[in-house]
Amino acid sequence: MTVKSPALIAPVVVPKAADILANRLRDLIVKGQITPGSFLPTERDLVTESGLSRTSVRDALRILESEGLITTKVGRTGGSMVTLPGRASVARSVELFVRTHGIRLESLLECRVAVEPTLARLAAKRRTPEQLAEMEELHEQFVASVDDVAHYKNVNLDWHLAIARASGNEPLMALMEAISTPIRDAMDYQHVTTPELRVIAVKAHTVILKAIREQDEDAAFQRMDRHVAGYRDIATGAAPMPPAAKNTTAKIRIIDI
């Protein structure tokens, strides 16, 4: 019996024509050779210049549109106008990835613990008076909503995102925006909004805000780290509890200030 030797050459994957054209146009946009606000050549011109079929050209344009690099305008003055994807579109893309790929809550919370203390540090360093005023206002709403779970959760999200914006770091802000809503909406995250934990969260937010107000970067980092790490441990069941104390009061000590 003849033993077949391993193939020396792997199967060759030939890119689709639409992908090749999309890559070329994307490269021109990224390098600034086609600037935001200007129009790509017409569909007919792209067919002529590229030698591709009308179908391939249309598919290439759809790819760029899905990436937020162009918008299609209809009418006599229409065409494919170059745009640049903003932070919101990046956040939406990541959030869609999270929601459609079944990313575990534990992974999202680990991401939050890795990112948010740094955002708090940067916010303490860079926050403007206007941004601080926004955080103060949201904190007041947070305190007032401690007995209204739905409003409490929404204001909590807004406050954390306000800190992210005050950091001035666009990539981290986009990441925080992308993971925040899925975390808030996760069903197995609901039990961290008990009355006792809401009171503890108010205390934690108070000291985090104090550090940001005083521009104490290290304190802002440390207090946010303790806050979000504590919630991660409770939400994932990793919070240490004495064997005789299986109640929420015992759990909340892990995130106490």
Protein backbone atom coordinates (compact mmCIF):
# COMPACT_ATOMS: atom_id res chain seq x y z
CA MET A 1 0.00 0.00 0.00
CA THR A 2 1.43 3.34 -1.05
CA VAL A 3 1.61 5.99 1.68
CA LYS A 4 0.73 9.40 0.39
CA SER A 5 3.34 12.01 1.30
CA PRO A 6 2.23 15.35 2.77
CA ALA A 7 1.44 18.02 0.23
CA LEU A 8 4.20 20.55 -0.28
CA ILE A 9 1.83 23.31 -1.30
CA ALA A 10 -1.27 24.23 0.66
CA PRO A 11 -4.48 25.03 -1.20
CA VAL A 12 -4.34 28.46 -2.77
CA VAL A 13 -7.11 30.80 -1.66
CA VAL A 14 -7.91 33.31 -4.37
CA PRO A 15 -9.40 36.58 -3.03
CA LYS A 16 -12.71 37.70 -4.43
CA ALA A 17 -12.56 40.56 -6.90
CA ALA A 18 -14.79 42.67 -4.65
CA ASP A 19 -12.43 42.18 -1.70
CA ILE A 20 -9.43 43.25 -3.78
CA LEU A 21 -11.16 46.44 -4.93
CA ALA A 22 -12.44 47.18 -1.42
CA ASN A 23 -8.91 46.76 -0.06
CA ARG A 24 -7.48 49.18 -2.63
CA LEU A 25 -10.14 51.82 -2.00
CA ARG A 26 -9.84 51.39 1.77
CA ASP A 27 -6.08 51.89 1.52
CA LEU A 28 -6.57 55.14 -0.42
CA ILE A 29 -9.02 56.40 2.21
CA VAL A 30 -6.84 55.44 5.18
CA LYS A 31 -3.78 57.09 3.61
CA GLY A 32 -5.75 60.28 3.00
CA GLN A 33 -5.51 60.11 -0.78
CA ILE A 34 -9.30 60.21 -0.87
CA THR A 35 -10.42 62.63 1.82
CA PRO A 36 -13.59 62.64 3.95
CA GLY A 37 -16.40 64.51 2.23
CA SER A 38 -15.16 63.74 -1.27
CA PHE A 39 -16.78 61.19 -3.57
CA LEU A 40 -15.41 57.97 -4.99
CA PRO A 41 -15.50 57.60 -8.77
CA THR A 42 -18.95 56.66 -10.02
CA GLU A 43 -19.91 53.02 -10.20
CA ARG A 44 -19.56 53.13 -13.99
CA ASP A 45 -16.10 54.70 -13.75
CA LEU A 46 -14.99 52.11 -11.19
CA VAL A 47 -16.10 49.35 -13.55
CA THR A 48 -14.10 50.93 -16.38
CA GLU A 49 -10.99 51.69 -14.30
CA SER A 50 -10.84 48.36 -12.46
CA GLY A 51 -11.96 46.10 -15.29
CA LEU A 52 -14.31 44.34 -12.86
CA SER A 53 -17.96 43.54 -13.31
CA ARG A 54 -20.66 45.88 -12.04
CA THR A 55 -21.61 43.23 -9.47
CA SER A 56 -18.07 43.09 -8.05
CA VAL A 57 -17.88 46.89 -7.85
CA ARG A 58 -21.21 47.06 -6.04
CA ASP A 59 -20.10 44.36 -3.60
CA ALA A 60 -16.87 46.30 -2.91
CA LEU A 61 -18.86 49.45 -2.17
CA ARG A 62 -21.15 47.52 0.17
CA ILE A 63 -18.10 46.32 2.10
CA LEU A 64 -16.83 49.87 2.54
CA GLU A 65 -20.29 51.09 3.54
CA SER A 66 -20.61 48.36 6.18
CA GLU A 67 -17.27 49.52 7.60
CA GLY A 68 -18.49 53.10 7.84
CA LEU A 69 -15.95 54.35 5.29
CA ILE A 70 -18.52 55.57 2.78
CA THR A 71 -22.15 56.59 2.74
CA THR A 72 -24.30 56.24 -0.35
CA LYS A 73 -26.26 59.28 -1.49
CA VAL A 74 -29.01 58.92 -4.07
CA GLY A 75 -30.19 61.41 -6.65
CA ARG A 76 -28.56 63.51 -9.34
CA THR A 77 -25.77 64.66 -7.02
CA GLY A 78 -25.48 61.30 -5.32
CA GLY A 79 -22.67 58.80 -5.16
CA SER A 80 -20.38 57.18 -2.63
CA MET A 81 -19.12 59.85 -0.23
CA VAL A 82 -16.11 59.12 1.95
CA THR A 83 -16.71 59.27 5.70
CA LEU A 84 -14.65 58.25 8.69
CA PRO A 85 -16.11 55.84 11.25
CA GLY A 86 -16.60 57.55 14.59
CA ARG A 87 -16.22 56.11 18.06
CA ALA A 88 -19.91 55.24 18.15
CA SER A 89 -19.67 53.02 15.07
CA VAL A 90 -16.61 51.26 16.48
CA ALA A 91 -18.45 50.68 19.75
CA ARG A 92 -21.48 49.32 17.86
CA SER A 93 -19.29 46.89 15.93
CA VAL A 94 -17.67 45.56 19.10
CA GLU A 95 -21.03 45.36 20.87
CA LEU A 96 -22.50 43.39 17.95
CA PHE A 97 -19.53 41.03 18.12
CA VAL A 98 -20.11 40.54 21.84
CA ARG A 99 -23.84 39.91 21.44
CA THR A 100 -23.63 37.63 18.39
CA HIS A 101 -20.67 35.50 19.52
CA GLY A 102 -22.02 34.57 22.92
CA ILE A 103 -19.18 36.21 24.83
CA ARG A 104 -19.38 35.11 28.47
CA LEU A 105 -20.26 37.65 31.15
CA GLU A 106 -17.09 36.70 32.99
CA SER A 107 -15.01 37.73 29.97
CA LEU A 108 -16.81 41.08 29.74
CA LEU A 109 -16.24 41.76 33.42
CA GLU A 110 -12.55 40.84 33.10
CA CYS A 111 -12.32 43.33 30.24
CA ARG A 112 -13.98 45.98 32.38
CA VAL A 113 -11.56 45.38 35.27
CA ALA A 114 -8.64 45.68 32.86
CA VAL A 115 -9.88 48.93 31.31
CA GLU A 116 -11.92 51.00 33.75
CA PRO A 117 -9.32 51.70 36.48
CA THR A 118 -7.08 53.19 33.77
CA LEU A 119 -10.00 55.29 32.52
CA ALA A 120 -10.51 56.59 36.06
CA ARG A 121 -6.82 57.46 36.35
CA LEU A 122 -6.90 59.34 33.04
CA ALA A 123 -10.15 61.09 33.99
CA ALA A 124 -8.53 62.32 37.21
CA LYS A 125 -5.66 63.70 35.16
CA ARG A 126 -7.56 65.19 32.22
CA ARG A 127 -11.13 65.95 33.26
CA THR A 128 -12.44 69.42 32.50
CA PRO A 129 -14.64 71.43 34.88
CA GLU A 130 -17.60 70.69 32.60
CA GLN A 131 -16.91 66.96 32.65
CA LEU A 132 -16.56 67.00 36.43
CA ALA A 133 -19.89 68.83 36.70
CA GLU A 134 -21.51 66.11 34.57
CA MET A 135 -20.12 63.39 36.83
CA GLU A 136 -21.29 65.27 39.93
CA GLU A 137 -24.80 65.65 38.51
CA LEU A 138 -25.02 61.97 37.57
CA HIS A 139 -23.75 60.98 41.00
CA GLU A 140 -26.52 62.99 42.63
CA GLN A 141 -29.06 61.18 40.45
CA PHE A 142 -27.41 57.87 41.34
CA VAL A 143 -27.77 58.54 45.06
CA ALA A 144 -31.39 59.62 44.62
CA SER A 145 -32.28 56.50 42.60
CA VAL A 146 -30.98 53.91 45.07
CA ASP A 147 -34.55 52.61 45.59
CA ASP A 148 -35.47 52.67 41.89
CA VAL A 149 -33.57 49.75 40.36
CA ALA A 150 -34.28 50.50 36.68
CA HIS A 151 -33.26 54.16 36.96
CA TYR A 152 -30.34 53.24 39.22
CA LYS A 153 -28.89 50.89 36.61
CA ASN A 154 -29.24 53.43 33.80
CA VAL A 155 -27.68 56.27 35.79
CA ASN A 156 -24.92 53.93 36.92
CA LEU A 157 -24.09 53.19 33.29
CA ASP A 158 -24.18 56.89 32.37
CA TRP A 159 -21.83 57.77 35.25
CA HIS A 160 -19.26 55.16 34.29
CA LEU A 161 -19.40 56.28 30.65
CA ALA A 162 -18.95 59.92 31.73
CA ILE A 163 -15.70 58.88 33.41
CA ALA A 164 -14.66 57.11 30.21
CA ARG A 165 -15.31 60.25 28.15
CA ALA A 166 -13.35 62.37 30.61
CA SER A 167 -10.33 60.12 30.06
CA GLY A 168 -9.83 61.56 26.59
CA ASN A 169 -8.68 58.15 25.30
CA GLU A 170 -10.80 57.36 22.24
CA PRO A 171 -9.96 53.63 21.83
CA LEU A 172 -10.59 52.87 25.51
CA MET A 173 -13.78 54.95 25.44
CA ALA A 174 -15.07 52.95 22.46
CA LEU A 175 -14.27 49.68 24.21
CA MET A 176 -15.99 50.79 27.41
CA GLU A 177 -19.06 51.91 25.47
CA ALA A 178 -19.17 48.57 23.66
CA ILE A 179 -19.11 46.35 26.75
CA SER A 180 -21.16 48.46 29.18
CA THR A 181 -24.65 47.82 27.82
CA PRO A 182 -24.23 44.03 27.45
CA ILE A 183 -22.94 43.89 31.04
CA ARG A 184 -25.87 45.93 32.33
CA ASP A 185 -28.37 43.79 30.44
CA ALA A 186 -26.88 40.40 31.33
CA MET A 187 -29.44 38.37 33.25
CA ASP A 188 -26.96 36.85 35.69
CA TYR A 189 -25.70 40.34 36.60
CA GLN A 190 -29.04 41.32 38.13
CA HIS A 191 -28.29 39.99 41.61
CA VAL A 192 -25.60 42.64 42.18
CA THR A 193 -28.33 45.28 42.41
CA THR A 194 -29.65 44.23 45.81
CA PRO A 195 -30.48 47.06 48.28
CA GLU A 196 -27.32 46.38 50.31
CA LEU A 197 -25.10 46.40 47.25
CA ARG A 198 -26.68 49.59 45.92
CA VAL A 199 -25.78 51.38 49.15
CA ILE A 200 -22.21 50.06 48.92
CA ALA A 201 -22.00 51.18 45.28
CA VAL A 202 -23.03 54.70 46.27
CA LYS A 203 -20.17 54.78 48.80
CA ALA A 204 -17.73 53.44 46.23
CA HIS A 205 -18.81 56.01 43.63
CA THR A 206 -18.45 58.77 46.22
CA VAL A 207 -14.78 58.02 46.89
CA ILE A 208 -13.99 57.46 43.21
CA LEU A 209 -15.54 60.81 42.36
CA LYS A 210 -13.63 62.46 45.21
CA ALA A 211 -10.36 61.18 43.75
CA ILE A 212 -11.28 62.45 40.28
CA ARG A 213 -12.38 65.80 41.71
CA GLU A 214 -9.06 66.16 43.56
CA GLN A 215 -7.15 64.86 40.51
CA ASP A 216 -5.58 62.10 42.59
CA GLU A 217 -4.73 59.70 39.78
CA ASP A 218 -3.48 56.81 41.92
CA ALA A 219 -6.48 56.93 44.26
CA ALA A 220 -8.87 57.05 41.30
CA PHE A 221 -7.22 53.97 39.81
CA GLN A 222 -7.15 52.01 43.07
CA ARG A 223 -10.71 52.81 44.10
CA MET A 224 -12.16 52.04 40.69
CA ASP A 225 -10.15 48.82 40.55
CA ARG A 226 -11.53 47.69 43.90
CA HIS A 227 -15.06 48.67 42.88
CA VAL A 228 -15.23 46.87 39.53
CA ALA A 229 -13.19 43.87 40.68
CA GLY A 230 -15.62 43.40 43.56
CA TYR A 231 -18.60 43.39 41.23
CA ARG A 232 -16.85 40.95 38.93
CA ASP A 233 -16.27 38.55 41.81
CA ILE A 234 -19.86 38.76 43.02
CA ALA A 235 -21.36 38.43 39.54
CA THR A 236 -19.22 35.37 38.74
CA GLY A 237 -19.55 33.75 42.16
CA ALA A 238 -15.86 34.20 42.94
CA ALA A 239 -16.35 36.45 45.99
CA PRO A 240 -14.99 34.69 49.10
CA MET A 241 -17.59 34.09 51.78
CA PRO A 242 -17.20 32.57 55.25
CA PRO A 243 -18.84 29.10 55.34
CA ALA A 244 -21.36 30.20 57.97
CA ALA A 245 -22.33 33.42 56.18
CA LYS A 246 -24.04 32.67 52.90
CA ASN A 247 -25.93 35.95 52.72
CA THR A 248 -25.59 39.11 50.66
CA THR A 249 -24.22 41.11 53.59
CA ALA A 250 -21.19 38.85 53.70
CA LYS A 251 -20.71 39.15 49.96
CA ILE A 252 -20.70 42.93 49.85
CA ARG A 253 -17.62 43.21 52.05
CA ILE A 254 -15.50 42.40 49.03
CA ILE A 255 -16.44 45.73 47.41
CA ASP A 256 -16.62 47.84 50.55
CA ILE A 257 -14.53 51.01 50.56
